[in-house]
Amino acid sequence: MIVHDVEQGTLAWLQMHLGIPTASGLNNLLTTSFEKRTGEMVRTYIFKKVAEAWRGKPLVSLGSGGNWDTEQGMILETEALPWFELEYETKVKRVGFITTDDNRFGCSPDGLILSADGQLESVDCGLEIKCPAAHTHVKYLIDGKLPNEYAAQVHGGMFATGFSRWVFVSYRRGFPALRVEVERDEEIQTKIQEAVDLFHLDFSAWLARLKTYENSDGERPAL
């Protein structure tokens, strides 16, 4: 894995997403049972990546997530991460963006759980913390397992890093927290690899097709 020294949510961080699938977007390529998706969801995801590569910049603007995303980020930073470190007597290393060694897939974990020696080189576990609405948090607590909607993101994190474990936490002020440790599943990892390979085949072909529309003088048409 390659750890990129960028701050999450910044323009530099968004630029790291150009042209590659990420763990948070993996559910556009795979179902919750890790079967290959077909149809418009896949096409739209790849079209967006092609559009970004063509423009050389992200389609989204900074701060476009809205107030709820902002609130979740603040809770994560000020409450959830310190709580996790205190509750489990461990240290969490904040990182910006991680890619596979070939830079074909990335993830943005909420942290890497440091081993007892405190060295990043010894880490084999990532951390994903969600701070959902109260009723959603209650649902997660009652179900008592990794929510289906985050399965691809968690296993995608292990794909990007090569880690053997990932901890998912749902945190909500005034409620018990849910902590789920997820083990690496090689069958799922194979399915993610296949999805990533298919993404890049289509991405390359469609970007090449788009380039055939360039003006004869070498300038690109306005999009």
Protein backbone atom coordinates (compact mmCIF):
# COMPACT_ATOMS: atom_id res chain seq x y z
CA MET A 1 0.00 0.00 0.00
CA ILE A 2 0.97 3.64 -0.47
CA VAL A 3 -0.02 6.17 2.20
CA HIS A 4 -0.49 9.63 0.70
CA ASP A 5 0.09 12.60 2.98
CA VAL A 6 -3.03 14.64 2.21
CA GLU A 7 -5.80 15.93 4.44
CA GLN A 8 -9.20 14.36 3.91
CA GLY A 9 -11.78 16.69 2.39
CA THR A 10 -9.23 18.97 0.72
CA LEU A 11 -8.74 19.59 -2.98
CA ALA A 12 -5.51 17.58 -2.92
CA TRP A 13 -7.43 14.66 -1.42
CA LEU A 14 -10.15 14.89 -4.08
CA GLN A 15 -7.50 14.95 -6.79
CA MET A 16 -6.23 11.58 -5.50
CA HIS A 17 -9.59 10.04 -6.48
CA LEU A 18 -9.30 10.90 -10.17
CA GLY A 19 -9.54 7.92 -12.48
CA ILE A 20 -9.65 5.17 -9.85
CA PRO A 21 -12.39 3.38 -7.92
CA THR A 22 -12.37 3.74 -4.14
CA ALA A 23 -13.63 1.76 -1.18
CA SER A 24 -16.44 4.25 -0.53
CA GLY A 25 -17.59 3.92 -4.15
CA LEU A 26 -17.17 0.16 -4.44
CA ASN A 27 -20.88 -0.47 -3.90
CA ASN A 28 -21.39 1.03 -7.35
CA LEU A 29 -19.54 -1.96 -8.79
CA LEU A 30 -20.54 -4.77 -6.41
CA THR A 31 -23.76 -5.70 -4.60
CA THR A 32 -23.92 -6.11 -0.82
CA SER A 33 -23.27 -9.84 -1.39
CA PHE A 34 -20.25 -8.94 -3.57
CA GLU A 35 -21.75 -9.98 -6.86
CA LYS A 36 -20.86 -7.97 -9.95
CA ARG A 37 -23.31 -5.17 -10.67
CA THR A 38 -24.55 -4.48 -14.18
CA GLY A 39 -26.60 -1.63 -15.60
CA GLU A 40 -26.74 2.11 -15.13
CA MET A 41 -25.27 2.30 -11.63
CA VAL A 42 -21.96 0.89 -12.87
CA ARG A 43 -21.99 2.94 -16.06
CA THR A 44 -22.77 6.18 -14.23
CA TYR A 45 -19.95 5.62 -11.74
CA ILE A 46 -17.43 5.03 -14.50
CA PHE A 47 -18.79 7.93 -16.57
CA LYS A 48 -18.15 10.22 -13.60
CA LYS A 49 -14.59 8.95 -13.30
CA VAL A 50 -14.04 9.44 -17.04
CA ALA A 51 -15.44 12.98 -16.82
CA GLU A 52 -13.09 13.79 -13.95
CA ALA A 53 -10.07 12.38 -15.79
CA TRP A 54 -11.00 14.43 -18.88
CA ARG A 55 -11.34 17.64 -16.86
CA GLY A 56 -8.36 16.89 -14.66
CA LYS A 57 -10.33 17.89 -11.58
CA PRO A 58 -13.11 16.48 -9.39
CA LEU A 59 -16.76 16.96 -10.27
CA VAL A 60 -17.68 17.78 -6.68
CA SER A 61 -16.77 21.01 -4.93
CA LEU A 62 -15.38 21.36 -1.43
CA GLY A 63 -18.07 21.47 1.21
CA SER A 64 -20.72 20.06 -1.12
CA GLY A 65 -21.65 17.34 1.36
CA GLY A 66 -23.90 19.60 3.37
CA ASN A 67 -24.42 20.29 7.05
CA TRP A 68 -25.00 16.67 8.06
CA ASP A 69 -21.68 15.52 6.62
CA THR A 70 -20.00 18.43 8.37
CA GLU A 71 -21.62 17.51 11.69
CA GLN A 72 -20.55 13.88 11.36
CA GLY A 73 -16.98 14.94 10.67
CA MET A 74 -16.92 17.15 13.74
CA ILE A 75 -18.31 14.37 15.94
CA LEU A 76 -15.73 11.97 14.58
CA GLU A 77 -12.83 14.28 15.30
CA THR A 78 -13.90 15.67 18.67
CA GLU A 79 -15.70 12.71 20.24
CA ALA A 80 -15.62 9.38 18.44
CA LEU A 81 -11.90 8.97 17.81
CA PRO A 82 -10.81 10.10 21.30
CA TRP A 83 -13.50 7.85 22.78
CA PHE A 84 -12.27 4.87 20.77
CA GLU A 85 -8.65 5.39 21.82
CA LEU A 86 -9.64 5.70 25.50
CA GLU A 87 -12.18 2.87 25.48
CA TYR A 88 -9.86 0.35 23.83
CA GLU A 89 -6.56 1.71 25.17
CA THR A 90 -5.07 2.04 21.73
CA LYS A 91 -3.72 4.72 19.43
CA VAL A 92 -5.16 5.59 16.03
CA LYS A 93 -3.06 7.03 13.25
CA ARG A 94 -4.99 9.48 11.06
CA VAL A 95 -4.19 9.17 7.36
CA GLY A 96 -5.42 11.01 4.29
CA PHE A 97 -5.58 8.60 1.37
CA ILE A 98 -4.23 5.11 0.72
CA THR A 99 -3.79 3.42 -2.64
CA THR A 100 -2.73 -0.03 -3.71
CA ASP A 101 0.87 -0.32 -4.86
CA ASP A 102 -0.28 -0.01 -8.49
CA ASN A 103 -2.39 3.11 -7.72
CA ARG A 104 -5.47 1.49 -9.26
CA PHE A 105 -7.67 1.58 -6.12
CA GLY A 106 -7.86 3.75 -3.03
CA CYS A 107 -9.47 4.24 0.35
CA SER A 108 -9.74 6.89 3.05
CA PRO A 109 -9.99 5.11 6.40
CA ASP A 110 -10.87 7.04 9.53
CA GLY A 111 -7.65 5.72 10.96
CA LEU A 112 -5.13 2.91 11.24
CA ILE A 113 -5.09 1.13 14.59
CA LEU A 114 -1.50 1.11 15.81
CA SER A 115 -0.01 -2.06 17.22
CA ALA A 116 1.43 -2.30 20.70
CA ASP A 117 4.82 -1.01 19.57
CA GLY A 118 3.13 2.08 18.10
CA GLN A 119 4.83 1.68 14.73
CA LEU A 120 2.92 2.27 11.51
CA GLU A 121 4.91 -0.51 9.83
CA SER A 122 3.36 -3.04 12.22
CA VAL A 123 -0.25 -2.03 11.56
CA ASP A 124 -2.59 -4.65 10.13
CA CYS A 125 -5.97 -3.16 11.07
CA GLY A 126 -7.94 -0.22 9.73
CA LEU A 127 -10.76 1.71 11.36
CA GLU A 128 -14.06 2.99 10.00
CA ILE A 129 -16.27 5.05 12.33
CA LYS A 130 -19.76 6.18 11.38
CA CYS A 131 -21.77 8.72 13.38
CA PRO A 132 -25.29 8.13 12.03
CA ALA A 133 -28.68 9.54 12.94
CA ALA A 134 -30.10 8.13 16.18
CA HIS A 135 -32.65 5.81 14.58
CA THR A 136 -30.03 4.43 12.18
CA HIS A 137 -27.62 3.83 15.05
CA VAL A 138 -30.34 1.96 16.95
CA LYS A 139 -30.90 -0.23 13.89
CA TYR A 140 -27.19 -1.05 13.75
CA LEU A 141 -27.18 -1.90 17.47
CA ILE A 142 -30.20 -4.19 17.16
CA ASP A 143 -28.73 -5.97 14.12
CA GLY A 144 -25.39 -6.29 15.91
CA LYS A 145 -23.28 -6.79 12.78
CA LEU A 146 -21.47 -4.92 10.04
CA PRO A 147 -24.22 -3.01 8.18
CA ASN A 148 -24.65 -4.24 4.62
CA GLU A 149 -24.29 -0.73 3.24
CA TYR A 150 -20.72 -0.52 4.58
CA ALA A 151 -19.55 -4.05 3.78
CA ALA A 152 -17.98 -3.04 0.46
CA GLN A 153 -16.23 -0.05 2.04
CA VAL A 154 -14.74 -2.14 4.85
CA HIS A 155 -13.57 -5.00 2.62
CA GLY A 156 -12.40 -2.44 0.08
CA GLY A 157 -10.23 -0.92 2.79
CA MET A 158 -8.59 -4.29 3.33
CA PHE A 159 -8.11 -4.63 -0.43
CA ALA A 160 -6.35 -1.27 -0.66
CA THR A 161 -4.11 -1.85 2.36
CA GLY A 162 -3.61 -5.61 2.39
CA PHE A 163 -4.65 -5.64 6.06
CA SER A 164 -6.06 -8.76 7.69
CA ARG A 165 -8.62 -6.96 9.87
CA TRP A 166 -10.86 -3.90 9.92
CA VAL A 167 -12.85 -2.45 12.80
CA PHE A 168 -16.22 -0.86 12.12
CA VAL A 169 -17.73 1.40 14.78
CA SER A 170 -21.09 3.11 14.91
CA TYR A 171 -20.97 5.96 17.43
CA ARG A 172 -23.82 8.15 18.58
CA ARG A 173 -23.81 10.48 21.55
CA GLY A 174 -26.06 9.20 24.36
CA PHE A 175 -26.17 5.59 23.09
CA PRO A 176 -23.98 2.52 23.48
CA ALA A 177 -21.50 2.17 20.63
CA LEU A 178 -21.35 -0.73 18.21
CA ARG A 179 -17.92 -2.23 17.50
CA VAL A 180 -17.52 -5.00 14.93
CA GLU A 181 -14.21 -6.55 13.95
CA VAL A 182 -14.20 -7.89 10.40
CA GLU A 183 -11.69 -10.47 9.19
CA ARG A 184 -10.20 -10.50 5.71
CA ASP A 185 -12.06 -12.82 3.33
CA GLU A 186 -9.97 -13.94 0.34
CA GLU A 187 -13.03 -14.89 -1.71
CA ILE A 188 -14.36 -11.35 -1.33
CA GLN A 189 -10.92 -9.94 -2.11
CA THR A 190 -10.89 -11.89 -5.38
CA LYS A 191 -14.29 -10.46 -6.32
CA ILE A 192 -13.08 -6.94 -5.56
CA GLN A 193 -10.00 -7.52 -7.73
CA GLU A 194 -12.21 -8.66 -10.61
CA ALA A 195 -14.44 -5.60 -10.21
CA VAL A 196 -11.44 -3.27 -10.17
CA ASP A 197 -10.00 -4.90 -13.30
CA LEU A 198 -13.32 -4.56 -15.13
CA PHE A 199 -13.60 -0.93 -14.04
CA HIS A 200 -10.22 -0.09 -15.54
CA LEU A 201 -10.99 -1.90 -18.79
CA ASP A 202 -14.17 0.12 -19.28
CA PHE A 203 -12.60 3.33 -17.98
CA SER A 204 -9.69 3.14 -20.42
CA ALA A 205 -11.92 2.23 -23.36
CA TRP A 206 -14.43 5.00 -22.68
CA LEU A 207 -11.77 7.64 -22.08
CA ALA A 208 -10.17 6.67 -25.38
CA ARG A 209 -13.55 6.89 -27.07
CA LEU A 210 -14.11 10.36 -25.62
CA LYS A 211 -10.78 11.52 -26.98
CA THR A 212 -11.97 10.77 -30.52
CA TYR A 213 -14.29 13.79 -30.15
CA GLU A 214 -11.41 16.21 -29.79
CA ASN A 215 -11.42 19.07 -32.27
CA SER A 216 -9.22 18.73 -35.29
CA ASP A 217 -6.98 21.56 -34.00
CA GLY A 218 -6.22 19.53 -30.89
CA GLU A 219 -8.47 21.47 -28.50
CA ARG A 220 -11.01 19.64 -26.45
CA PRO A 221 -14.66 20.58 -26.83
CA ALA A 222 -16.24 22.30 -23.85
CA LEU A 223 -18.18 19.91 -21.58
